[in-house]
Amino acid sequence: MKLKILTPAVAALLLASCGTQKTASATTAETTSPVKETVKNVALTPELAEGKNLYENSCVRCHKLYDAKKFTQEEWKPILARMQKKAKLDDTQMASISNYITSQL
């Protein structure tokens, strides 16, 4: 009986984890995410686009995406440090995310 319940649950979990990732556009700072924000009309550099992509794909796995302006730069530092372990991101990836968030403040 347990096997009949666990097998579909594992299959559903596997399918959900294999979903497609969003890709960030390197030409505009506009976002299609559900985050309501006033977007700067600044072209994203490839480094900032990578940070945006990491932010959108890593953070949304566990919770909704927050508007960068919701917190100050000082408030973001401990948040990002805490989330780095949970998202299993290395220091380079966290620097990209941090640079992207800072550029949006």
N, C-alpha and C. Protein backbone atom coordinates (compact mmCIF):
# COMPACT_ATOMS: atom_id res chain seq x y z
N MET A 1 0.83 -1.19 0.00
CA MET A 1 0.00 0.00 0.00
C MET A 1 0.87 1.25 0.00
N LYS A 2 1.92 1.23 0.84
CA LYS A 2 2.80 2.39 0.89
C LYS A 2 3.50 2.61 -0.44
N LEU A 3 3.85 1.53 -1.12
CA LEU A 3 4.52 1.62 -2.41
C LEU A 3 3.60 2.26 -3.45
N LYS A 4 2.31 1.98 -3.38
CA LYS A 4 1.34 2.56 -4.32
C LYS A 4 1.21 4.06 -4.11
N ILE A 5 1.43 4.53 -2.91
CA ILE A 5 1.34 5.96 -2.60
C ILE A 5 2.66 6.65 -2.89
N LEU A 6 3.74 6.03 -2.51
CA LEU A 6 5.06 6.66 -2.66
C LEU A 6 5.50 6.77 -4.12
N THR A 7 5.20 5.79 -4.94
CA THR A 7 5.64 5.81 -6.33
C THR A 7 5.09 7.03 -7.09
N PRO A 8 3.79 7.32 -7.06
CA PRO A 8 3.31 8.52 -7.75
C PRO A 8 3.84 9.82 -7.12
N ALA A 9 4.04 9.80 -5.81
CA ALA A 9 4.56 11.00 -5.16
C ALA A 9 5.98 11.29 -5.62
N VAL A 10 6.80 10.27 -5.70
CA VAL A 10 8.18 10.44 -6.17
C VAL A 10 8.19 10.86 -7.63
N ALA A 11 7.33 10.28 -8.44
CA ALA A 11 7.25 10.64 -9.86
C ALA A 11 6.84 12.11 -10.02
N ALA A 12 5.87 12.55 -9.24
CA ALA A 12 5.42 13.94 -9.31
C ALA A 12 6.52 14.89 -8.87
N LEU A 13 7.24 14.52 -7.82
CA LEU A 13 8.35 15.35 -7.35
C LEU A 13 9.44 15.44 -8.39
N LEU A 14 9.76 14.34 -9.05
CA LEU A 14 10.77 14.32 -10.09
C LEU A 14 10.36 15.21 -11.26
N LEU A 15 9.12 15.11 -11.68
CA LEU A 15 8.64 15.95 -12.78
C LEU A 15 8.66 17.43 -12.42
N ALA A 16 8.29 17.76 -11.21
CA ALA A 16 8.27 19.16 -10.78
C ALA A 16 9.68 19.73 -10.71
N SER A 17 10.64 18.92 -10.32
CA SER A 17 12.01 19.42 -10.20
C SER A 17 12.70 19.54 -11.55
N CYS A 18 12.16 18.94 -12.57
CA CYS A 18 12.76 18.98 -13.91
C CYS A 18 12.13 20.06 -14.78
N GLY A 19 11.44 21.00 -14.20
CA GLY A 19 10.81 22.07 -14.97
C GLY A 19 11.84 22.95 -15.64
N THR A 20 11.40 23.72 -16.61
CA THR A 20 12.31 24.59 -17.33
C THR A 20 12.66 25.80 -16.49
N GLN A 21 13.86 26.33 -16.73
CA GLN A 21 14.31 27.51 -16.00
C GLN A 21 14.03 28.74 -16.84
N LYS A 22 13.83 29.84 -16.15
CA LYS A 22 13.68 31.12 -16.82
C LYS A 22 15.06 31.61 -17.23
N THR A 23 15.11 32.36 -18.31
CA THR A 23 16.37 32.98 -18.70
C THR A 23 16.19 34.48 -18.68
N ALA A 24 17.20 35.18 -18.20
CA ALA A 24 17.14 36.63 -18.10
C ALA A 24 17.55 37.25 -19.41
N SER A 25 16.89 38.30 -19.79
CA SER A 25 17.25 39.05 -20.99
C SER A 25 18.36 40.02 -20.66
N ALA A 26 19.38 40.07 -21.48
CA ALA A 26 20.53 40.94 -21.22
C ALA A 26 20.31 42.35 -21.73
N THR A 27 19.16 42.62 -22.33
CA THR A 27 18.97 43.94 -22.93
C THR A 27 18.06 44.86 -22.13
N THR A 28 17.32 44.33 -21.21
CA THR A 28 16.39 45.18 -20.49
C THR A 28 16.27 44.76 -19.04
N ALA A 29 15.89 45.71 -18.19
CA ALA A 29 15.76 45.42 -16.77
C ALA A 29 14.33 45.03 -16.42
N GLU A 30 13.44 44.97 -17.42
CA GLU A 30 12.06 44.61 -17.13
C GLU A 30 11.99 43.13 -16.80
N THR A 31 11.05 42.79 -15.96
CA THR A 31 10.93 41.41 -15.52
C THR A 31 9.53 40.92 -15.79
N THR A 32 9.39 39.62 -16.02
CA THR A 32 8.08 39.03 -16.22
C THR A 32 7.64 38.29 -14.97
N SER A 33 8.41 38.38 -13.90
CA SER A 33 8.06 37.69 -12.67
C SER A 33 6.89 38.39 -12.00
N PRO A 34 6.24 37.73 -11.05
CA PRO A 34 5.08 38.31 -10.40
C PRO A 34 5.43 39.44 -9.43
N VAL A 35 6.68 39.79 -9.33
CA VAL A 35 7.08 40.85 -8.42
C VAL A 35 6.63 42.18 -9.00
N LYS A 36 5.89 42.93 -8.22
CA LYS A 36 5.47 44.25 -8.66
C LYS A 36 6.54 45.24 -8.25
N GLU A 37 7.14 45.86 -9.25
CA GLU A 37 8.22 46.78 -8.95
C GLU A 37 8.26 47.88 -10.00
N THR A 38 8.86 48.98 -9.63
CA THR A 38 9.14 50.03 -10.58
C THR A 38 10.50 49.70 -11.15
N VAL A 39 10.53 49.39 -12.41
CA VAL A 39 11.74 48.90 -13.03
C VAL A 39 12.53 50.07 -13.59
N LYS A 40 13.83 50.06 -13.32
CA LYS A 40 14.71 51.05 -13.91
C LYS A 40 14.86 50.71 -15.39
N ASN A 41 14.93 51.71 -16.22
CA ASN A 41 15.14 51.49 -17.64
C ASN A 41 16.64 51.51 -17.93
N VAL A 42 17.34 50.56 -17.34
CA VAL A 42 18.78 50.45 -17.49
C VAL A 42 19.08 49.10 -18.11
N ALA A 43 19.94 49.12 -19.14
CA ALA A 43 20.32 47.86 -19.77
C ALA A 43 21.17 47.04 -18.81
N LEU A 44 20.89 45.77 -18.74
CA LEU A 44 21.64 44.89 -17.86
C LEU A 44 22.90 44.42 -18.57
N THR A 45 24.00 44.46 -17.86
CA THR A 45 25.24 43.89 -18.37
C THR A 45 25.10 42.37 -18.31
N PRO A 46 25.95 41.62 -19.00
CA PRO A 46 25.85 40.16 -18.91
C PRO A 46 26.01 39.65 -17.48
N GLU A 47 26.83 40.32 -16.67
CA GLU A 47 27.01 39.90 -15.28
C GLU A 47 25.73 40.11 -14.48
N LEU A 48 25.08 41.27 -14.69
CA LEU A 48 23.83 41.54 -13.97
C LEU A 48 22.71 40.63 -14.47
N ALA A 49 22.71 40.32 -15.75
CA ALA A 49 21.70 39.40 -16.29
C ALA A 49 21.87 38.01 -15.69
N GLU A 50 23.12 37.60 -15.48
CA GLU A 50 23.37 36.30 -14.84
C GLU A 50 22.87 36.32 -13.40
N GLY A 51 23.11 37.44 -12.68
CA GLY A 51 22.62 37.56 -11.32
C GLY A 51 21.11 37.53 -11.24
N LYS A 52 20.48 38.19 -12.20
CA LYS A 52 19.01 38.19 -12.25
C LYS A 52 18.50 36.78 -12.50
N ASN A 53 19.13 36.08 -13.43
CA ASN A 53 18.74 34.71 -13.75
C ASN A 53 18.90 33.80 -12.53
N LEU A 54 20.03 33.93 -11.84
CA LEU A 54 20.25 33.13 -10.62
C LEU A 54 19.21 33.47 -9.55
N TYR A 55 18.94 34.76 -9.37
CA TYR A 55 17.97 35.20 -8.37
C TYR A 55 16.59 34.60 -8.68
N GLU A 56 16.17 34.72 -9.93
CA GLU A 56 14.84 34.23 -10.30
C GLU A 56 14.73 32.71 -10.22
N ASN A 57 15.78 32.00 -10.59
CA ASN A 57 15.70 30.54 -10.63
C ASN A 57 16.06 29.87 -9.32
N SER A 58 16.91 30.48 -8.52
CA SER A 58 17.32 29.86 -7.26
C SER A 58 16.36 30.20 -6.13
N CYS A 59 15.98 31.45 -6.04
CA CYS A 59 15.19 31.90 -4.90
C CYS A 59 13.72 31.47 -4.99
N VAL A 60 13.20 31.42 -6.20
CA VAL A 60 11.79 31.11 -6.38
C VAL A 60 11.49 29.63 -6.08
N ARG A 61 12.49 28.81 -5.95
CA ARG A 61 12.26 27.40 -5.61
C ARG A 61 11.62 27.25 -4.24
N CYS A 62 11.94 28.17 -3.32
CA CYS A 62 11.45 28.03 -1.95
C CYS A 62 10.43 29.10 -1.55
N HIS A 63 10.46 30.25 -2.17
CA HIS A 63 9.55 31.33 -1.78
C HIS A 63 9.35 32.30 -2.92
N LYS A 64 8.44 33.24 -2.74
CA LYS A 64 8.19 34.24 -3.79
C LYS A 64 9.40 35.16 -3.91
N LEU A 65 9.52 35.79 -5.07
CA LEU A 65 10.60 36.75 -5.28
C LEU A 65 10.21 38.08 -4.66
N TYR A 66 11.15 38.66 -3.95
CA TYR A 66 10.91 39.95 -3.32
C TYR A 66 11.47 41.06 -4.18
N ASP A 67 10.78 42.18 -4.19
CA ASP A 67 11.27 43.36 -4.87
C ASP A 67 12.56 43.79 -4.18
N ALA A 68 13.57 44.12 -4.96
CA ALA A 68 14.86 44.50 -4.39
C ALA A 68 14.73 45.72 -3.48
N LYS A 69 13.77 46.58 -3.78
CA LYS A 69 13.60 47.81 -3.00
C LYS A 69 12.88 47.58 -1.68
N LYS A 70 12.40 46.37 -1.47
CA LYS A 70 11.69 46.08 -0.22
C LYS A 70 12.63 46.17 0.98
N PHE A 71 13.92 45.87 0.75
CA PHE A 71 14.92 45.92 1.81
C PHE A 71 16.06 46.85 1.38
N THR A 72 16.76 47.37 2.36
CA THR A 72 17.94 48.18 2.07
C THR A 72 19.13 47.27 1.78
N GLN A 73 20.20 47.86 1.30
CA GLN A 73 21.39 47.06 1.01
C GLN A 73 21.92 46.38 2.27
N GLU A 74 21.85 47.07 3.39
CA GLU A 74 22.30 46.49 4.67
C GLU A 74 21.40 45.35 5.11
N GLU A 75 20.10 45.44 4.82
CA GLU A 75 19.18 44.37 5.18
C GLU A 75 19.34 43.15 4.28
N TRP A 76 19.72 43.38 3.01
CA TRP A 76 19.90 42.28 2.07
C TRP A 76 21.09 41.39 2.44
N LYS A 77 22.16 41.98 2.99
CA LYS A 77 23.39 41.22 3.27
C LYS A 77 23.13 39.98 4.13
N PRO A 78 22.50 40.11 5.30
CA PRO A 78 22.27 38.89 6.10
C PRO A 78 21.24 37.95 5.47
N ILE A 79 20.30 38.50 4.74
CA ILE A 79 19.30 37.66 4.07
C ILE A 79 20.00 36.76 3.05
N LEU A 80 20.85 37.38 2.21
CA LEU A 80 21.56 36.62 1.18
C LEU A 80 22.53 35.62 1.79
N ALA A 81 23.18 36.01 2.88
CA ALA A 81 24.12 35.10 3.54
C ALA A 81 23.38 33.86 4.06
N ARG A 82 22.19 34.06 4.63
CA ARG A 82 21.39 32.95 5.15
C ARG A 82 20.90 32.04 4.02
N MET A 83 20.50 32.66 2.93
CA MET A 83 19.91 31.90 1.83
C MET A 83 20.96 31.18 0.99
N GLN A 84 22.21 31.62 1.05
CA GLN A 84 23.27 31.00 0.24
C GLN A 84 23.40 29.52 0.54
N LYS A 85 23.40 29.16 1.82
CA LYS A 85 23.51 27.76 2.22
C LYS A 85 22.29 26.97 1.75
N LYS A 86 21.12 27.53 1.97
CA LYS A 86 19.89 26.81 1.63
C LYS A 86 19.77 26.58 0.13
N ALA A 87 20.22 27.56 -0.67
CA ALA A 87 20.12 27.44 -2.13
C ALA A 87 21.32 26.71 -2.72
N LYS A 88 22.31 26.39 -1.87
CA LYS A 88 23.52 25.69 -2.30
C LYS A 88 24.24 26.45 -3.42
N LEU A 89 24.47 27.74 -3.18
CA LEU A 89 25.15 28.60 -4.14
C LEU A 89 26.55 28.90 -3.67
N ASP A 90 27.49 28.99 -4.61
CA ASP A 90 28.86 29.32 -4.23
C ASP A 90 29.02 30.84 -4.12
N ASP A 91 30.20 31.28 -3.70
CA ASP A 91 30.43 32.71 -3.46
C ASP A 91 30.31 33.53 -4.74
N THR A 92 30.74 32.99 -5.87
CA THR A 92 30.65 33.71 -7.14
C THR A 92 29.19 33.93 -7.53
N GLN A 93 28.37 32.91 -7.36
CA GLN A 93 26.95 33.04 -7.68
C GLN A 93 26.28 34.04 -6.75
N MET A 94 26.64 34.00 -5.46
CA MET A 94 26.05 34.95 -4.52
C MET A 94 26.48 36.38 -4.84
N ALA A 95 27.72 36.56 -5.28
CA ALA A 95 28.19 37.89 -5.67
C ALA A 95 27.38 38.40 -6.86
N SER A 96 27.06 37.53 -7.81
CA SER A 96 26.24 37.92 -8.96
C SER A 96 24.85 38.35 -8.53
N ILE A 97 24.25 37.57 -7.64
CA ILE A 97 22.91 37.91 -7.14
C ILE A 97 22.96 39.21 -6.36
N SER A 98 23.95 39.36 -5.51
CA SER A 98 24.09 40.58 -4.71
C SER A 98 24.28 41.80 -5.60
N ASN A 99 25.11 41.68 -6.64
CA ASN A 99 25.32 42.80 -7.57
C ASN A 99 24.03 43.15 -8.30
N TYR A 100 23.28 42.15 -8.70
CA TYR A 100 22.00 42.41 -9.38
C TYR A 100 21.04 43.13 -8.46
N ILE A 101 20.91 42.67 -7.22
CA ILE A 101 19.98 43.30 -6.28
C ILE A 101 20.42 44.73 -5.99
N THR A 102 21.71 44.94 -5.80
CA THR A 102 22.22 46.29 -5.54
C THR A 102 21.95 47.21 -6.72
N SER A 103 22.05 46.69 -7.94
CA SER A 103 21.80 47.53 -9.12
C SER A 103 20.34 47.95 -9.22
N GLN A 104 19.46 47.20 -8.58
CA GLN A 104 18.03 47.51 -8.64
C GLN A 104 17.56 48.45 -7.54
N LEU A 105 18.41 48.73 -6.57
CA LEU A 105 18.03 49.62 -5.46
C LEU A 105 18.00 51.06 -5.89
